[in-house]
C-alpha atoms as a PDB file:
ATOM      1  CA  MET A   1      -1.127 -41.813  -6.395  1.00  0.00           C
ATOM      2  CA  ARG A   2       0.360 -38.824  -4.525  1.00  0.00           C
ATOM      3  CA  GLN A   3       3.156 -38.443  -7.049  1.00  0.00           C
ATOM      4  CA  ARG A   4       0.668 -38.414  -9.908  1.00  0.00           C
ATOM      5  CA  VAL A   5      -1.494 -35.759  -8.199  1.00  0.00           C
ATOM      6  CA  TYR A   6       1.597 -33.685  -7.397  1.00  0.00           C
ATOM      7  CA  GLY A   7       2.735 -33.945 -11.031  1.00  0.00           C
ATOM      8  CA  LYS A   8      -0.691 -32.816 -12.283  1.00  0.00           C
ATOM      9  CA  ARG A   9      -0.574 -29.878  -9.893  1.00  0.00           C
ATOM     10  CA  LEU A  10       2.818 -28.773 -11.200  1.00  0.00           C
ATOM     11  CA  ASP A  11       1.564 -29.122 -14.779  1.00  0.00           C
ATOM     12  CA  TRP A  12      -1.462 -26.971 -13.938  1.00  0.00           C
ATOM     13  CA  VAL A  13       0.731 -24.248 -12.385  1.00  0.00           C
ATOM     14  CA  ALA A  14       3.002 -24.226 -15.448  1.00  0.00           C
ATOM     15  CA  LYS A  15      -0.027 -23.971 -17.738  1.00  0.00           C
ATOM     16  CA  ILE A  16      -1.479 -21.022 -15.780  1.00  0.00           C
ATOM     17  CA  GLU A  17       1.871 -19.208 -15.802  1.00  0.00           C
ATOM     18  CA  GLN A  18       2.205 -19.760 -19.541  1.00  0.00           C
ATOM     19  CA  GLU A  19      -1.347 -18.583 -20.322  1.00  0.00           C
ATOM     20  CA  HIS A  20      -1.077 -15.459 -18.173  1.00  0.00           C
ATOM     21  CA  ALA A  21       2.564 -14.575 -18.835  1.00  0.00           C
ATOM     22  CA  ALA A  22       1.571 -11.235 -20.365  1.00  0.00           C
ATOM     23  CA  THR A  23      -0.516 -10.169 -17.363  1.00  0.00           C
ATOM     24  CA  ILE A  24       1.435 -11.501 -14.375  1.00  0.00           C
ATOM     25  CA  LYS A  25       4.047  -8.877 -13.530  1.00  0.00           C
ATOM     26  CA  ASN A  26       5.987  -8.680 -10.315  1.00  0.00           C
ATOM     27  CA  PHE A  27       7.634  -5.292  -9.928  1.00  0.00           C
ATOM     28  CA  ARG A  28      10.215  -4.709  -7.227  1.00  0.00           C
ATOM     29  CA  PHE A  29      10.983  -1.034  -6.792  1.00  0.00           C
ATOM     30  CA  ASN A  30      14.080   0.319  -5.074  1.00  0.00           C
ATOM     31  CA  GLY A  31      14.583   3.603  -3.267  1.00  0.00           C
ATOM     32  CA  GLY A  32      14.438   6.514  -5.678  1.00  0.00           C
ATOM     33  CA  ASP A  33      12.274   4.804  -8.302  1.00  0.00           C
ATOM     34  CA  LEU A  34       9.298   6.743  -9.571  1.00  0.00           C
ATOM     35  CA  VAL A  35       5.967   4.945  -9.345  1.00  0.00           C
ATOM     36  CA  LEU A  36       2.313   5.597  -9.997  1.00  0.00           C
ATOM     37  CA  ALA A  37      -0.086   4.485  -7.263  1.00  0.00           C
ATOM     38  CA  ARG A  38      -3.521   3.273  -8.299  1.00  0.00           C
ATOM     39  CA  ASN A  39      -6.280   5.186  -6.532  1.00  0.00           C
ATOM     40  CA  THR A  40      -8.477   2.218  -5.575  1.00  0.00           C
ATOM     41  CA  ARG A  41     -10.836   4.377  -3.513  1.00  0.00           C
ATOM     42  CA  VAL A  42     -12.126   6.034  -6.692  1.00  0.00           C
ATOM     43  CA  GLU A  43     -13.054   2.761  -8.418  1.00  0.00           C
ATOM     44  CA  LYS A  44     -16.240   2.290  -6.383  1.00  0.00           C
ATOM     45  CA  THR A  45     -17.617   5.819  -6.628  1.00  0.00           C
ATOM     46  CA  PHE A  46     -20.168   7.077  -9.110  1.00  0.00           C
ATOM     47  CA  THR A  47     -17.897   9.880 -10.303  1.00  0.00           C
ATOM     48  CA  ARG A  48     -14.973   7.629 -11.167  1.00  0.00           C
ATOM     49  CA  LYS A  49     -14.908   8.871 -14.752  1.00  0.00           C
ATOM     50  CA  ASN A  50     -14.046  12.357 -13.550  1.00  0.00           C
ATOM     51  CA  ARG A  51     -11.342  11.371 -11.079  1.00  0.00           C
ATOM     52  CA  MET A  52      -7.708  10.492 -11.586  1.00  0.00           C
ATOM     53  CA  ARG A  53      -7.110   6.752 -11.588  1.00  0.00           C
ATOM     54  CA  TYR A  54      -3.437   6.999 -10.626  1.00  0.00           C
ATOM     55  CA  MET A  55      -1.643   9.241  -8.147  1.00  0.00           C
ATOM     56  CA  GLY A  56       1.853  10.272  -8.899  1.00  0.00           C
ATOM     57  CA  PRO A  57       4.588  10.244  -9.815  1.00  0.00           C
ATOM     58  CA  LEU A  58       5.707   9.266  -6.333  1.00  0.00           C
ATOM     59  CA  ILE A  59       9.237   8.575  -5.091  1.00  0.00           C
ATOM     60  CA  VAL A  60       9.842   5.250  -3.368  1.00  0.00           C
ATOM     61  CA  ILE A  61      11.558   5.805  -0.016  1.00  0.00           C
ATOM     62  CA  ARG A  62      11.654   2.267   1.331  1.00  0.00           C
ATOM     63  CA  ARG A  63      10.235  -1.205   0.689  1.00  0.00           C
ATOM     64  CA  ASN A  64       8.892  -3.094   3.708  1.00  0.00           C
ATOM     65  CA  ARG A  65       9.194  -6.808   4.381  1.00  0.00           C
ATOM     66  CA  GLY A  66       5.604  -7.490   3.368  1.00  0.00           C
ATOM     67  CA  GLY A  67       6.048  -5.770   0.022  1.00  0.00           C
ATOM     68  CA  SER A  68       4.373  -2.452   0.768  1.00  0.00           C
ATOM     69  CA  TYR A  69       6.150   0.795   0.010  1.00  0.00           C
ATOM     70  CA  VAL A  70       6.715   4.043   1.880  1.00  0.00           C
ATOM     71  CA  VAL A  71       6.486   6.762  -0.749  1.00  0.00           C
ATOM     72  CA  ALA A  72       6.809  10.524  -0.934  1.00  0.00           C
ATOM     73  CA  GLU A  73       5.476  13.113  -3.312  1.00  0.00           C
ATOM     74  CA  MET A  74       7.829  15.072  -5.524  1.00  0.00           C
ATOM     75  CA  ASP A  75       7.936  17.980  -3.058  1.00  0.00           C
ATOM     76  CA  GLY A  76       9.167  15.727  -0.224  1.00  0.00           C
ATOM     77  CA  THR A  77       5.860  15.151   1.559  1.00  0.00           C
ATOM     78  CA  VAL A  78       5.706  11.551   2.759  1.00  0.00           C
ATOM     79  CA  LEU A  79       2.337   9.866   2.349  1.00  0.00           C
ATOM     80  CA  ARG A  80       0.839   8.915   5.690  1.00  0.00           C
ATOM     81  CA  GLY A  81       0.071   5.282   4.904  1.00  0.00           C
ATOM     82  CA  LYS A  82       1.940   2.572   3.115  1.00  0.00           C
ATOM     83  CA  ILE A  83       1.142   1.723  -0.494  1.00  0.00           C
ATOM     84  CA  GLY A  84       0.503  -1.920  -1.355  1.00  0.00           C
ATOM     85  CA  ALA A  85       2.708  -3.495  -3.997  1.00  0.00           C
ATOM     86  CA  PHE A  86      -0.307  -4.437  -6.126  1.00  0.00           C
ATOM     87  CA  ARG A  87      -1.202  -0.731  -6.441  1.00  0.00           C
ATOM     88  CA  CYS A  88       2.203   0.411  -7.745  1.00  0.00           C
ATOM     89  CA  LEU A  89       3.147   0.664 -11.389  1.00  0.00           C
ATOM     90  CA  PRO A  90       6.411   1.992 -12.778  1.00  0.00           C
ATOM     91  CA  HIS A  91       6.350   5.590 -13.916  1.00  0.00           C
ATOM     92  CA  ILE A  92       7.723   5.583 -17.433  1.00  0.00           C
ATOM     93  CA  ALA A  93       9.566   8.845 -17.843  1.00  0.00           C
ATOM     94  CA  GLN A  94      12.155  10.310 -20.141  1.00  0.00           C
ATOM     95  CA  TYR A  95      14.669  10.767 -17.355  1.00  0.00           C
ATOM     96  CA  ASN A  96      16.670   8.525 -15.050  1.00  0.00           C
ATOM     97  CA  PRO A  97      15.399   7.521 -11.604  1.00  0.00           C
ATOM     98  CA  ILE A  98      16.154   9.862  -8.739  1.00  0.00           C
ATOM     99  CA  GLU A  99      19.068   8.736  -6.596  1.00  0.00           C
ATOM    100  CA  LEU A 100      18.249   9.144  -2.931  1.00  0.00           C
ATOM    101  CA  PRO A 101      21.074  10.728  -0.942  1.00  0.00           C
ATOM    102  CA  ASP A 102      22.156   9.523   2.489  1.00  0.00           C
ATOM    103  CA  ASN A 103      20.582  12.572   4.116  1.00  0.00           C
ATOM    104  CA  ILE A 104      17.093  11.686   2.875  1.00  0.00           C
ATOM    105  CA  HIS A 105      15.602  12.716   6.219  1.00  0.00           C
ATOM    106  CA  GLU A 106      16.609  16.318   5.544  1.00  0.00           C
ATOM    107  CA  LEU A 107      14.740  16.317   2.236  1.00  0.00           C
ATOM    108  CA  ILE A 108      11.465  14.731   3.297  1.00  0.00           C
ATOM    109  CA  ASN A 109       9.087  16.136   5.880  1.00  0.00           C
ATOM    110  CA  LEU A 110       9.514  13.208   8.270  1.00  0.00           C
ATOM    111  CA  LEU A 111      11.965  12.393  11.036  1.00  0.00           C
ATOM    112  CA  GLU A 112      13.927   9.140  11.020  1.00  0.00           C
ATOM    113  CA  GLU A 113      12.100   7.890  14.122  1.00  0.00           C
ATOM    114  CA  GLN A 114       8.740   8.617  12.518  1.00  0.00           C
ATOM    115  CA  LEU A 115       9.801   6.733   9.400  1.00  0.00           C
ATOM    116  CA  LYS A 116      10.852   3.732  11.489  1.00  0.00           C
ATOM    117  CA  THR A 117       7.543   3.685  13.348  1.00  0.00           C
ATOM    118  CA  MET A 118       5.687   3.961  10.053  1.00  0.00           C
ATOM    119  CA  VAL A 119       7.532   0.939   8.711  1.00  0.00           C
ATOM    120  CA  GLU A 120       7.161  -1.121  11.875  1.00  0.00           C
ATOM    121  CA  GLU A 121       3.593  -0.269  12.827  1.00  0.00           C
ATOM    122  CA  ASP A 122       0.955  -2.920  12.578  1.00  0.00           C
ATOM    123  CA  GLU A 123      -1.413  -2.385   9.686  1.00  0.00           C
ATOM    124  CA  LYS A 124      -4.442  -3.364  11.722  1.00  0.00           C
ATOM    125  CA  MET A 125      -5.876  -0.728  13.982  1.00  0.00           C
ATOM    126  CA  GLU A 126      -7.347  -2.383  17.033  1.00  0.00           C
ATOM    127  CA  PRO A 127     -10.337  -0.666  18.606  1.00  0.00           C
ATOM    128  CA  ASN A 128      -9.677   0.573  22.109  1.00  0.00           C
ATOM    129  CA  GLY A 129     -13.179  -0.212  23.377  1.00  0.00           C
ATOM    130  CA  GLN A 130     -14.337   3.387  23.658  1.00  0.00           C
ATOM    131  CA  HIS A 131     -17.479   4.600  21.915  1.00  0.00           C
ATOM    132  CA  TYR A 132     -17.913   7.849  20.092  1.00  0.00           C
ATOM    133  CA  ILE A 133     -20.130  10.325  21.901  1.00  0.00           C
ATOM    134  CA  PHE A 134     -22.704  12.068  19.762  1.00  0.00           C
ATOM    135  CA  ASN A 135     -23.886  15.224  21.513  1.00  0.00           C
ATOM    136  CA  ALA A 136     -26.596  15.849  18.922  1.00  0.00           C
ATOM    137  CA  ILE A 137     -28.445  12.658  19.956  1.00  0.00           C
ATOM    138  CA  PRO A 138     -29.260  12.988  23.667  1.00  0.00           C
ATOM    139  CA  ASN A 139     -31.087   9.659  24.079  1.00  0.00           C
ATOM    140  CA  LEU A 140     -28.408   7.502  22.487  1.00  0.00           C
ATOM    141  CA  ARG A 141     -28.002   4.159  24.237  1.00  0.00           C
ATOM    142  CA  LEU A 142     -24.648   2.493  24.149  1.00  0.00           C
ATOM    143  CA  PRO A 143     -24.457  -1.307  23.968  1.00  0.00           C
ATOM    144  CA  GLU A 144     -23.799  -3.004  27.272  1.00  0.00           C
ATOM    145  CA  ASP A 145     -20.610  -4.996  27.688  1.00  0.00           C
ATOM    146  CA  ASP A 146     -21.264  -8.739  28.009  1.00  0.00           C
ATOM    147  CA  ASN A 147     -17.762  -9.561  29.161  1.00  0.00           C
ATOM    148  CA  ASP A 148     -18.060  -8.174  32.704  1.00  0.00           C
ATOM    149  CA  ASP A 149     -16.204 -10.483  35.068  1.00  0.00           C
END
């Protein structure tokens, strides 16, 4: 029974891969490749017709273990956050990809230590438990902490 179910599951996976072969693309960019990054923030706004759908071309600096990319603009400015792999498309140009030299840290506006912390930092930002203080609202009540020991 288990072997039959496992066989059906493998058949189903093969069928899905065959049906969607034209749409399933797994790009793996190396350092120096030019990419376009999809601007997903614009997709939910009312003025999306007037905004650019893709940002770029951007230069790939490094690929992280999870698949996200650290990218820089053409003038050497490194983008603050990492770009998810699902947002990146290859930039089709009439020239060869840019080869990154060994002294890449001299070209981009970021120190090597800052680049390492950007790669290693956790993507989740944990709240530190402090509330924002709004001076314009004098009678603002903050919620009481229930976890007082």
